[in-house]
C-alpha cells in the first residue's frame, strides 16, 4: 500500500464524520429554524442581537456556511431573513462572504471527496462546462452566478471537477453572487416584521421596484458579455509595437 494512502483514507473518514454530524444536527433541529418559529421569538431575537452582536453575527455566519457548504435547501429564505434581522449593509457583508465560503466548501468536497459520484451524475454537463471554460474562461462562471441557469448546488459540484483554480472560483463567485444577494437582502430589509414573511413568503413582499431589480439582474450579464466581446475585438484589432501595420 502506498504510504500516502492511509492518510488519504483517514482524511476522508474525518470529513465524512464531520459532514455526517453536521447534517444530522441540521435535520434534527431544522424545525427550530423555520420562519414561523423565529417570528414567534422576534422580540427575544432582537434583544440578543442588541446585547451580543458579535456572537449573533458569528452564529448567523456559521449557519449560512453550513447550509450552503452541505448544499441544503433554504439559502434564499435565510438571505431574506438576514436582511430583515441585520439590515442591508451588515447582511450584505455577512451573506456575501458566507455564501462564497459555503460554495467553495461544496466545490472542494466535490473535487476531493465526491468526484466519482458527481462525475457519474453530471458527466454530460461537465463536458459542456469544460468546453465553455476553455472558450470564455472565468467569465463563464461569472455569468452563471449572475443568472443561475444551473442551480447553485449543481454549479458548485460540477465546477469542482473542472480545472478551474480554487482562488478563481472564490473571487468570481464572490462578485457574481453579489448582485443577487443585494436584491434579496434589500427585499428582506424592507419587510416590516417576520410574521409577514412567514405567512406569505417571498411572494408577499414583491413590488414593482423588486421586480425591476430582478429584470436588471437578468440583463446585466448579457450587457457585460457584449461589452467584453467588443473590448476583445478592439484589442485583437489594435496593432502592437511588435507587429506594426504595413504600408502599401
Protein backbone atom coordinates (compact mmCIF):
# COMPACT_ATOMS: atom_id res chain seq x y z
CA UNK A 1 0.00 0.00 0.00
CA UNK A 2 1.44 3.43 -0.90
CA UNK A 3 2.48 5.43 2.19
CA UNK A 4 0.10 8.31 1.39
CA UNK A 5 -2.97 6.11 1.04
CA UNK A 6 -3.67 5.60 4.80
CA UNK A 7 -3.51 9.36 5.31
CA UNK A 8 -5.93 9.90 2.42
CA UNK A 9 -8.35 7.33 3.82
CA UNK A 10 -8.12 8.87 7.31
CA UNK A 11 -8.80 12.33 5.88
CA UNK A 12 -11.89 11.08 4.08
CA UNK A 13 -13.15 9.35 7.20
CA UNK A 14 -12.76 12.57 9.20
CA UNK A 15 -14.51 14.64 6.53
CA UNK A 16 -17.40 12.19 6.22
CA UNK A 17 -17.76 12.06 10.02
CA UNK A 18 -17.85 15.85 10.35
CA UNK A 19 -20.29 16.24 7.47
CA UNK A 20 -22.48 13.45 8.80
CA UNK A 21 -22.59 15.07 12.24
CA UNK A 22 -23.47 18.50 10.83
CA UNK A 23 -26.15 17.01 8.58
CA UNK A 24 -27.63 15.03 11.49
CA UNK A 25 -27.75 18.15 13.68
CA UNK A 26 -29.39 20.12 10.88
CA UNK A 27 -32.10 17.55 10.24
CA UNK A 28 -32.68 17.06 13.98
CA UNK A 29 -33.15 20.77 14.72
CA UNK A 30 -34.20 22.21 11.37
CA UNK A 31 -37.75 22.80 12.65
CA UNK A 32 -36.34 25.34 15.11
CA UNK A 33 -35.03 27.48 12.24
CA UNK A 34 -38.27 27.93 10.31
CA UNK A 35 -39.56 31.47 9.80
CA UNK A 36 -42.72 30.70 11.76
CA UNK A 37 -40.76 29.68 14.87
CA UNK A 38 -38.36 32.61 14.59
CA UNK A 39 -41.25 35.04 14.05
CA UNK A 40 -42.75 33.93 17.39
CA UNK A 41 -39.46 34.84 19.09
CA UNK A 42 -38.91 38.11 17.28
CA UNK A 43 -38.55 40.33 20.37
CA UNK A 44 -36.22 37.88 22.10
CA UNK A 45 -34.07 37.65 18.98
CA UNK A 46 -33.80 41.43 18.69
CA UNK A 47 -32.68 41.66 22.31
CA UNK A 48 -30.00 39.02 21.79
CA UNK A 49 -28.61 40.88 18.78
CA UNK A 50 -28.50 44.14 20.75
CA UNK A 51 -26.76 42.51 23.72
CA UNK A 52 -24.41 40.12 21.86
CA UNK A 53 -23.95 41.43 18.30
CA UNK A 54 -20.64 39.68 17.57
CA UNK A 55 -21.83 36.32 18.85
CA UNK A 56 -25.08 36.51 16.86
CA UNK A 57 -23.27 37.55 13.66
CA UNK A 58 -20.82 34.67 14.09
CA UNK A 59 -23.65 32.21 14.66
CA UNK A 60 -25.53 33.51 11.62
CA UNK A 61 -22.37 33.22 9.53
CA UNK A 62 -21.77 29.63 10.65
CA UNK A 63 -25.37 28.63 9.91
CA UNK A 64 -25.21 30.09 6.39
CA UNK A 65 -21.86 28.44 5.62
CA UNK A 66 -23.15 25.07 6.84
CA UNK A 67 -26.33 25.38 4.80
CA UNK A 68 -24.56 26.25 1.55
CA UNK A 69 -21.50 24.07 2.13
CA UNK A 70 -23.68 20.98 2.53
CA UNK A 71 -25.94 22.06 -0.37
CA UNK A 72 -29.01 22.10 1.87
CA UNK A 73 -32.15 23.98 0.81
CA UNK A 74 -33.20 27.32 2.29
CA UNK A 75 -30.45 29.79 1.31
CA UNK A 76 -32.89 32.21 -0.35
CA UNK A 77 -35.17 32.31 2.68
CA UNK A 78 -32.19 32.70 5.01
CA UNK A 79 -30.91 35.63 2.94
CA UNK A 80 -34.29 37.35 3.26
CA UNK A 81 -34.25 36.68 6.99
CA UNK A 82 -30.77 38.13 7.43
CA UNK A 83 -31.79 41.25 5.51
CA UNK A 84 -34.59 41.82 7.99
CA UNK A 85 -32.53 40.81 11.01
CA UNK A 86 -29.25 42.64 10.43
CA UNK A 87 -30.17 45.31 7.90
CA UNK A 88 -28.91 45.66 4.35
CA UNK A 89 -25.23 46.56 4.79
CA UNK A 90 -24.33 44.20 7.63
CA UNK A 91 -26.35 41.49 5.93
CA UNK A 92 -24.57 42.13 2.62
CA UNK A 93 -21.11 41.62 4.14
CA UNK A 94 -22.21 38.58 6.12
CA UNK A 95 -24.11 36.77 3.36
CA UNK A 96 -21.63 37.64 0.61
CA UNK A 97 -18.68 36.06 2.41
CA UNK A 98 -20.68 33.22 3.99
CA UNK A 99 -22.27 32.18 0.69
CA UNK A 100 -18.91 32.27 -1.10
CA UNK A 101 -17.21 30.25 1.65
CA UNK A 102 -20.05 27.71 1.61
CA UNK A 103 -19.93 27.45 -2.17
CA UNK A 104 -16.15 26.94 -2.04
CA UNK A 105 -16.53 24.20 0.57
CA UNK A 106 -19.04 22.43 -1.69
CA UNK A 107 -16.62 22.96 -4.60
CA UNK A 108 -13.74 21.35 -2.67
CA UNK A 109 -15.87 18.48 -1.38
CA UNK A 110 -16.80 17.72 -4.97
CA UNK A 111 -13.18 17.89 -6.10
CA UNK A 112 -11.60 15.80 -3.35
CA UNK A 113 -14.30 13.62 -1.84
CA UNK A 114 -17.30 13.02 -4.11
CA UNK A 115 -15.61 13.13 -7.52
CA UNK A 116 -16.74 9.69 -8.75
CA UNK A 117 -20.37 10.13 -7.70
CA UNK A 118 -20.66 13.60 -9.22
CA UNK A 119 -18.84 12.54 -12.37
CA UNK A 120 -21.37 9.74 -12.86
CA UNK A 121 -24.33 12.03 -12.16
CA UNK A 122 -23.32 15.15 -14.10
CA UNK A 123 -20.80 13.86 -16.64
CA UNK A 124 -22.64 15.38 -19.61
CA UNK A 125 -22.83 18.81 -18.01
CA UNK A 126 -19.18 18.57 -17.01
CA UNK A 127 -18.20 18.24 -20.68
CA UNK A 128 -20.15 21.38 -21.57
CA UNK A 129 -18.72 23.28 -18.61
CA UNK A 130 -15.13 22.43 -19.55
CA UNK A 131 -15.72 23.49 -23.14
CA UNK A 132 -17.28 26.78 -22.08
CA UNK A 133 -14.47 27.45 -19.61
CA UNK A 134 -11.92 26.90 -22.38
CA UNK A 135 -13.76 29.36 -24.65
CA UNK A 136 -14.74 32.04 -22.12
CA UNK A 137 -12.60 31.42 -19.06
CA UNK A 138 -13.77 32.61 -15.66
CA UNK A 139 -16.33 34.93 -17.29
CA UNK A 140 -18.46 31.85 -17.97
CA UNK A 141 -18.75 31.16 -14.23
CA UNK A 142 -19.44 34.85 -13.65
CA UNK A 143 -22.43 34.83 -16.00
CA UNK A 144 -23.81 31.66 -14.42
CA UNK A 145 -23.55 33.25 -10.98
CA UNK A 146 -25.41 36.33 -12.14
CA UNK A 147 -28.19 34.35 -13.81
CA UNK A 148 -28.20 30.82 -12.37
CA UNK A 149 -29.19 28.81 -15.43
CA UNK A 150 -27.89 25.88 -13.38
CA UNK A 151 -28.88 25.59 -9.69
CA UNK A 152 -26.12 26.76 -7.39
CA UNK A 153 -25.56 23.41 -5.69
CA UNK A 154 -25.10 21.71 -9.07
CA UNK A 155 -22.85 24.53 -10.26
CA UNK A 156 -20.62 24.20 -7.18
CA UNK A 157 -20.41 20.43 -7.57
CA UNK A 158 -19.68 20.36 -11.30
CA UNK A 159 -17.17 23.21 -11.14
CA UNK A 160 -15.25 21.19 -8.56
CA UNK A 161 -14.47 18.63 -11.25
CA UNK A 162 -13.15 21.17 -13.75
CA UNK A 163 -9.61 22.57 -13.94
CA UNK A 164 -10.76 25.89 -12.51
CA UNK A 165 -8.40 27.03 -9.69
CA UNK A 166 -9.97 27.35 -6.24
CA UNK A 167 -8.96 31.01 -5.89
CA UNK A 168 -10.56 31.86 -9.23
CA UNK A 169 -13.74 30.06 -8.21
CA UNK A 170 -13.77 32.05 -4.95
CA UNK A 171 -13.38 35.58 -6.29
CA UNK A 172 -15.58 35.06 -9.36
CA UNK A 173 -18.32 33.59 -7.16
CA UNK A 174 -17.93 36.47 -4.70
CA UNK A 175 -18.50 39.02 -7.45
CA UNK A 176 -21.06 37.05 -9.42
CA UNK A 177 -23.36 36.35 -6.47
CA UNK A 178 -23.16 39.87 -5.07
CA UNK A 179 -25.94 41.48 -7.19
CA UNK A 180 -28.43 38.69 -6.44
CA UNK A 181 -27.50 38.78 -2.76
CA UNK A 182 -28.10 42.53 -2.70
CA UNK A 183 -31.54 42.12 -4.29
CA UNK A 184 -32.66 39.51 -1.76
CA UNK A 185 -31.25 41.41 1.20
CA UNK A 186 -32.92 44.66 0.17
CA UNK A 187 -36.20 42.77 -0.07
CA UNK A 188 -35.70 41.26 3.37
CA UNK A 189 -34.74 44.60 4.88
CA UNK A 190 -38.00 46.08 3.54
CA UNK A 191 -40.14 43.56 5.45
CA UNK A 192 -41.80 45.30 8.42
CA UNK A 193 -41.87 42.15 10.56
CA UNK A 194 -41.12 38.44 10.27
CA UNK A 195 -44.75 37.45 10.56
CA UNK A 196 -45.41 38.93 7.09
CA UNK A 197 -42.53 36.95 5.62
CA UNK A 198 -43.51 33.78 7.49
CA UNK A 199 -47.14 33.93 6.36
CA UNK A 200 -46.70 35.00 2.73
CA UNK A 201 -43.14 34.02 1.82
CA UNK A 202 -41.15 35.92 -0.82
CA UNK A 203 -44.34 36.48 -2.86
CA UNK A 204 -45.72 38.62 -0.06
CA UNK A 205 -43.01 41.24 -0.43
CA UNK A 206 -42.86 41.50 -4.21
CA UNK A 207 -43.18 45.02 -5.54
CA UNK A 208 -42.63 46.81 -8.87
CA UNK A 209 -39.24 48.00 -7.58
CA UNK A 210 -38.18 44.47 -6.66
CA UNK A 211 -39.41 43.12 -9.99
CA UNK A 212 -37.39 45.81 -11.79
CA UNK A 213 -34.32 44.79 -9.80
CA UNK A 214 -34.66 41.18 -10.97
CA UNK A 215 -35.08 42.32 -14.58
CA UNK A 216 -31.87 44.34 -14.29
CA UNK A 217 -30.18 41.34 -12.70
CA UNK A 218 -31.22 39.23 -15.69
CA UNK A 219 -30.00 41.55 -18.45
CA UNK A 220 -26.84 42.71 -16.68
CA UNK A 221 -24.63 39.71 -17.64
CA UNK A 222 -25.76 39.93 -21.26
CA UNK A 223 -24.75 43.59 -21.39
CA UNK A 224 -21.42 42.84 -19.70
CA UNK A 225 -20.77 39.93 -22.06
CA UNK A 226 -21.41 42.17 -25.05
CA UNK A 227 -19.09 44.85 -23.68
CA UNK A 228 -16.35 42.28 -23.10
CA UNK A 229 -16.79 40.87 -26.63
CA UNK A 230 -16.43 44.35 -28.15
CA UNK A 231 -13.41 45.07 -25.96
CA UNK A 232 -11.71 41.81 -27.02
CA UNK A 233 -12.41 42.58 -30.68
CA UNK A 234 -10.84 46.03 -30.38
CA UNK A 235 -7.82 44.64 -28.54
CA UNK A 236 -7.25 41.98 -31.21
CA UNK A 237 -7.61 44.58 -33.98
CA UNK A 238 -5.17 47.05 -32.40
CA UNK A 239 -1.67 46.75 -33.92
CA UNK A 240 1.09 46.14 -31.40
CA UNK A 241 4.57 47.58 -31.36
CA UNK A 242 5.96 44.17 -32.35
CA UNK A 243 3.62 43.95 -35.32
CA UNK A 244 3.10 47.45 -36.74
CA UNK A 245 0.75 47.89 -39.69
CA UNK A 246 2.38 47.59 -43.08
CA UNK A 247 2.17 50.34 -45.63
CA UNK A 248 1.09 49.74 -49.18
